[in-house]
Amino acid sequence: MDTTIVGFHPDDAGDWVATLACGHGQHMRHEPPWQERPWVTTEEGRQGKIGARIACALCDGIRLPLDAREYKRTAILTEETLPAALRKEHRTKAGTWGRIVVTEGQVEFHSRGRVHVLGAGDVGIVEPEVPHHVTPLGAVRLHVEFWRVG
């Protein structure tokens, strides 16, 4: 999934890390011939990359903990019955994961500064305490599952 670069900071070894809009970081190194990023060696070069789109492997890899178990789920929700609270930014409580399961139509799932379009058969993973919301894109059917460890 794509996000954008919002800043840079050095790590403990002096290598540059891009701060991403999703909240994750990604090392940016110039190590020819493996990585060709001469722009990272100057302040001007790094500033020129602010706002650039970049893939975030960590966002792509968000998964429920292996020992998590479902403890609750909503009824089937539609574009008409989706509660206002889910349409505006909100968070799950500490230790609570969510799964947004779309069975028909599409929704936008907003989380960590990114927008994921979820269609029939797709699942959006909600991390504990991370702000998120959903926006229906026309007719939709979905439910939300709540998971926790233990």
C-alpha atoms as a PDB file:
ATOM      1  CA  MET A   1       0.000   0.000   0.000  1.00  0.00           C
ATOM      2  CA  ASP A   2       1.182   3.496  -0.772  1.00  0.00           C
ATOM      3  CA  THR A   3       1.664   6.342   1.692  1.00  0.00           C
ATOM      4  CA  THR A   4       3.713   9.567   1.587  1.00  0.00           C
ATOM      5  CA  ILE A   5       6.970  10.755   3.089  1.00  0.00           C
ATOM      6  CA  VAL A   6       6.365  13.474   5.696  1.00  0.00           C
ATOM      7  CA  GLY A   7       9.894  13.908   7.079  1.00  0.00           C
ATOM      8  CA  PHE A   8      13.294  12.389   7.789  1.00  0.00           C
ATOM      9  CA  HIS A   9      15.383  11.638  10.858  1.00  0.00           C
ATOM     10  CA  PRO A  10      18.706   9.859  11.402  1.00  0.00           C
ATOM     11  CA  ASP A  11      18.799   6.535  13.234  1.00  0.00           C
ATOM     12  CA  ASP A  12      21.404   5.665  15.879  1.00  0.00           C
ATOM     13  CA  ALA A  13      23.887   4.615  13.166  1.00  0.00           C
ATOM     14  CA  GLY A  14      23.437   7.881  11.237  1.00  0.00           C
ATOM     15  CA  ASP A  15      21.379   6.344   8.424  1.00  0.00           C
ATOM     16  CA  TRP A  16      18.352   8.311   7.250  1.00  0.00           C
ATOM     17  CA  VAL A  17      14.839   7.083   8.013  1.00  0.00           C
ATOM     18  CA  ALA A  18      11.820   8.446   6.141  1.00  0.00           C
ATOM     19  CA  THR A  19       8.897   9.249   8.442  1.00  0.00           C
ATOM     20  CA  LEU A  20       5.738   8.104   6.642  1.00  0.00           C
ATOM     21  CA  ALA A  21       2.212   9.530   6.871  1.00  0.00           C
ATOM     22  CA  CYS A  22       0.977   6.120   8.049  1.00  0.00           C
ATOM     23  CA  GLY A  23       3.135   6.431  11.178  1.00  0.00           C
ATOM     24  CA  HIS A  24       5.773   3.915  10.140  1.00  0.00           C
ATOM     25  CA  GLY A  25       9.400   4.613   9.205  1.00  0.00           C
ATOM     26  CA  GLN A  26      11.509   3.321   6.328  1.00  0.00           C
ATOM     27  CA  HIS A  27      15.285   3.456   5.963  1.00  0.00           C
ATOM     28  CA  MET A  28      16.573   5.401   2.955  1.00  0.00           C
ATOM     29  CA  ARG A  29      20.181   4.507   2.162  1.00  0.00           C
ATOM     30  CA  HIS A  30      22.504   5.331  -0.707  1.00  0.00           C
ATOM     31  CA  GLU A  31      24.616   2.178  -1.036  1.00  0.00           C
ATOM     32  CA  PRO A  32      25.578   1.679  -4.685  1.00  0.00           C
ATOM     33  CA  PRO A  33      25.173  -0.647  -6.486  1.00  0.00           C
ATOM     34  CA  TRP A  34      22.393  -2.115  -4.281  1.00  0.00           C
ATOM     35  CA  GLN A  35      20.505   1.088  -3.497  1.00  0.00           C
ATOM     36  CA  GLU A  36      20.827   4.190  -5.661  1.00  0.00           C
ATOM     37  CA  ARG A  37      19.517   7.131  -3.643  1.00  0.00           C
ATOM     38  CA  PRO A  38      22.083   9.936  -3.924  1.00  0.00           C
ATOM     39  CA  TRP A  39      19.383  12.466  -2.959  1.00  0.00           C
ATOM     40  CA  VAL A  40      19.318  11.127   0.636  1.00  0.00           C
ATOM     41  CA  THR A  41      22.864  12.396   1.267  1.00  0.00           C
ATOM     42  CA  THR A  42      21.846  16.083   1.252  1.00  0.00           C
ATOM     43  CA  GLU A  43      19.277  18.115   3.169  1.00  0.00           C
ATOM     44  CA  GLU A  44      18.050  19.593  -0.127  1.00  0.00           C
ATOM     45  CA  GLY A  45      17.626  16.113  -1.603  1.00  0.00           C
ATOM     46  CA  ARG A  46      15.664  14.846   1.393  1.00  0.00           C
ATOM     47  CA  GLN A  47      13.437  17.949   1.455  1.00  0.00           C
ATOM     48  CA  GLY A  48      12.712  17.366  -2.228  1.00  0.00           C
ATOM     49  CA  LYS A  49      11.195  13.980  -1.355  1.00  0.00           C
ATOM     50  CA  ILE A  50       8.696  15.321   1.217  1.00  0.00           C
ATOM     51  CA  GLY A  51       5.237  14.416  -0.096  1.00  0.00           C
ATOM     52  CA  ALA A  52       6.566  11.683  -2.402  1.00  0.00           C
ATOM     53  CA  ARG A  53       4.500   8.511  -2.588  1.00  0.00           C
ATOM     54  CA  ILE A  54       6.135   5.348  -1.277  1.00  0.00           C
ATOM     55  CA  ALA A  55       5.028   1.777  -0.541  1.00  0.00           C
ATOM     56  CA  CYS A  56       4.879   0.819   3.139  1.00  0.00           C
ATOM     57  CA  ALA A  57       5.604  -2.861   3.655  1.00  0.00           C
ATOM     58  CA  LEU A  58       4.647  -2.607   7.334  1.00  0.00           C
ATOM     59  CA  CYS A  59       1.125  -1.426   6.501  1.00  0.00           C
ATOM     60  CA  ASP A  60       0.802  -4.244   3.989  1.00  0.00           C
ATOM     61  CA  GLY A  61       1.822  -6.710   6.680  1.00  0.00           C
ATOM     62  CA  ILE A  62      -0.650  -5.739   9.440  1.00  0.00           C
ATOM     63  CA  ARG A  63      -2.171  -8.955  10.751  1.00  0.00           C
ATOM     64  CA  LEU A  64      -4.058 -10.119  13.809  1.00  0.00           C
ATOM     65  CA  PRO A  65      -1.900 -11.781  16.465  1.00  0.00           C
ATOM     66  CA  LEU A  66      -1.899 -15.568  15.994  1.00  0.00           C
ATOM     67  CA  ASP A  67      -3.419 -16.108  19.439  1.00  0.00           C
ATOM     68  CA  ALA A  68      -6.240 -13.557  18.989  1.00  0.00           C
ATOM     69  CA  ARG A  69      -9.815 -14.807  19.152  1.00  0.00           C
ATOM     70  CA  GLU A  70     -13.089 -13.223  18.040  1.00  0.00           C
ATOM     71  CA  TYR A  71     -15.259 -12.233  20.994  1.00  0.00           C
ATOM     72  CA  LYS A  72     -17.975 -10.096  19.376  1.00  0.00           C
ATOM     73  CA  ARG A  73     -19.337  -9.036  15.997  1.00  0.00           C
ATOM     74  CA  THR A  74     -21.862  -6.560  14.675  1.00  0.00           C
ATOM     75  CA  ALA A  75     -24.960  -7.412  12.718  1.00  0.00           C
ATOM     76  CA  ILE A  76     -24.771  -6.994   8.937  1.00  0.00           C
ATOM     77  CA  LEU A  77     -24.467  -3.258   8.241  1.00  0.00           C
ATOM     78  CA  THR A  78     -25.451  -1.459   5.034  1.00  0.00           C
ATOM     79  CA  GLU A  79     -24.816   2.021   3.689  1.00  0.00           C
ATOM     80  CA  GLU A  80     -28.057   3.011   5.437  1.00  0.00           C
ATOM     81  CA  THR A  81     -27.482   1.281   8.794  1.00  0.00           C
ATOM     82  CA  LEU A  82     -23.756   1.957   9.219  1.00  0.00           C
ATOM     83  CA  PRO A  83     -23.602   3.927  12.489  1.00  0.00           C
ATOM     84  CA  ALA A  84     -22.391   7.534  12.398  1.00  0.00           C
ATOM     85  CA  ALA A  85     -19.756   6.585  14.991  1.00  0.00           C
ATOM     86  CA  LEU A  86     -18.059   4.270  12.455  1.00  0.00           C
ATOM     87  CA  ARG A  87     -18.150   6.955   9.749  1.00  0.00           C
ATOM     88  CA  LYS A  88     -16.114   9.400  11.853  1.00  0.00           C
ATOM     89  CA  GLU A  89     -12.668   8.906  13.329  1.00  0.00           C
ATOM     90  CA  HIS A  90     -12.691   6.594  16.328  1.00  0.00           C
ATOM     91  CA  ARG A  91     -10.449   4.014  18.034  1.00  0.00           C
ATOM     92  CA  THR A  92     -10.799   0.563  19.489  1.00  0.00           C
ATOM     93  CA  LYS A  93      -9.771   0.171  23.108  1.00  0.00           C
ATOM     94  CA  ALA A  94      -6.366  -1.120  24.189  1.00  0.00           C
ATOM     95  CA  GLY A  95      -5.936  -4.781  23.238  1.00  0.00           C
ATOM     96  CA  THR A  96      -8.920  -4.832  20.863  1.00  0.00           C
ATOM     97  CA  TRP A  97      -8.351  -5.600  17.188  1.00  0.00           C
ATOM     98  CA  GLY A  98     -11.027  -5.323  14.522  1.00  0.00           C
ATOM     99  CA  ARG A  99     -11.787  -6.957  11.198  1.00  0.00           C
ATOM    100  CA  ILE A 100     -13.973  -5.043   8.745  1.00  0.00           C
ATOM    101  CA  VAL A 101     -15.435  -7.760   6.521  1.00  0.00           C
ATOM    102  CA  VAL A 102     -17.067  -6.546   3.290  1.00  0.00           C
ATOM    103  CA  THR A 103     -19.503  -8.977   1.654  1.00  0.00           C
ATOM    104  CA  GLU A 104     -21.032  -6.680  -1.009  1.00  0.00           C
ATOM    105  CA  GLY A 105     -20.096  -3.308  -2.514  1.00  0.00           C
ATOM    106  CA  GLN A 106     -17.134  -1.179  -1.445  1.00  0.00           C
ATOM    107  CA  VAL A 107     -16.000   1.019   1.438  1.00  0.00           C
ATOM    108  CA  GLU A 108     -13.051   3.285   2.013  1.00  0.00           C
ATOM    109  CA  PHE A 109     -11.163   2.235   5.143  1.00  0.00           C
ATOM    110  CA  HIS A 110      -9.159   5.203   6.490  1.00  0.00           C
ATOM    111  CA  SER A 111      -6.303   4.319   8.858  1.00  0.00           C
ATOM    112  CA  ARG A 112      -2.769   5.638   9.517  1.00  0.00           C
ATOM    113  CA  GLY A 113      -3.157   8.421   6.951  1.00  0.00           C
ATOM    114  CA  ARG A 114      -4.008   5.956   4.201  1.00  0.00           C
ATOM    115  CA  VAL A 115      -7.171   5.026   2.364  1.00  0.00           C
ATOM    116  CA  HIS A 116      -7.786   1.381   1.514  1.00  0.00           C
ATOM    117  CA  VAL A 117     -10.692   0.535  -0.797  1.00  0.00           C
ATOM    118  CA  LEU A 118     -12.225  -2.702   0.447  1.00  0.00           C
ATOM    119  CA  GLY A 119     -14.535  -4.646  -1.851  1.00  0.00           C
ATOM    120  CA  ALA A 120     -16.544  -7.848  -1.556  1.00  0.00           C
ATOM    121  CA  GLY A 121     -14.326 -10.510   0.003  1.00  0.00           C
ATOM    122  CA  ASP A 122     -11.819  -8.004   1.403  1.00  0.00           C
ATOM    123  CA  VAL A 123     -10.967  -7.562   5.076  1.00  0.00           C
ATOM    124  CA  GLY A 124      -9.572  -4.431   6.718  1.00  0.00           C
ATOM    125  CA  ILE A 125      -7.552  -4.945   9.901  1.00  0.00           C
ATOM    126  CA  VAL A 126      -8.060  -2.385  12.681  1.00  0.00           C
ATOM    127  CA  GLU A 127      -5.167  -2.094  15.130  1.00  0.00           C
ATOM    128  CA  PRO A 128      -5.804  -1.389  18.816  1.00  0.00           C
ATOM    129  CA  GLU A 129      -6.085   2.334  19.619  1.00  0.00           C
ATOM    130  CA  VAL A 130      -5.281   3.460  16.034  1.00  0.00           C
ATOM    131  CA  PRO A 131      -7.670   6.158  14.711  1.00  0.00           C
ATOM    132  CA  HIS A 132      -9.735   4.969  11.746  1.00  0.00           C
ATOM    133  CA  HIS A 133     -13.111   5.307  10.019  1.00  0.00           C
ATOM    134  CA  VAL A 134     -15.059   3.893   7.071  1.00  0.00           C
ATOM    135  CA  THR A 135     -16.924   5.554   4.219  1.00  0.00           C
ATOM    136  CA  PRO A 136     -19.409   3.548   2.107  1.00  0.00           C
ATOM    137  CA  LEU A 137     -18.988   3.871  -1.657  1.00  0.00           C
ATOM    138  CA  GLY A 138     -22.596   3.232  -2.642  1.00  0.00           C
ATOM    139  CA  ALA A 139     -24.554   0.140  -1.662  1.00  0.00           C
ATOM    140  CA  VAL A 140     -22.584  -2.041   0.740  1.00  0.00           C
ATOM    141  CA  ARG A 141     -22.946  -4.936   3.179  1.00  0.00           C
ATOM    142  CA  LEU A 142     -20.348  -5.543   5.878  1.00  0.00           C
ATOM    143  CA  HIS A 143     -19.859  -6.567   9.466  1.00  0.00           C
ATOM    144  CA  VAL A 144     -17.191  -5.774  12.036  1.00  0.00           C
ATOM    145  CA  GLU A 145     -15.542  -8.435  14.188  1.00  0.00           C
ATOM    146  CA  PHE A 146     -13.777  -7.637  17.464  1.00  0.00           C
ATOM    147  CA  TRP A 147     -10.771  -9.719  18.461  1.00  0.00           C
ATOM    148  CA  ARG A 148      -8.425  -9.879  21.451  1.00  0.00           C
ATOM    149  CA  VAL A 149      -5.669 -12.065  22.812  1.00  0.00           C
ATOM    150  CA  GLY A 150      -6.592 -14.367  25.670  1.00  0.00           C
END
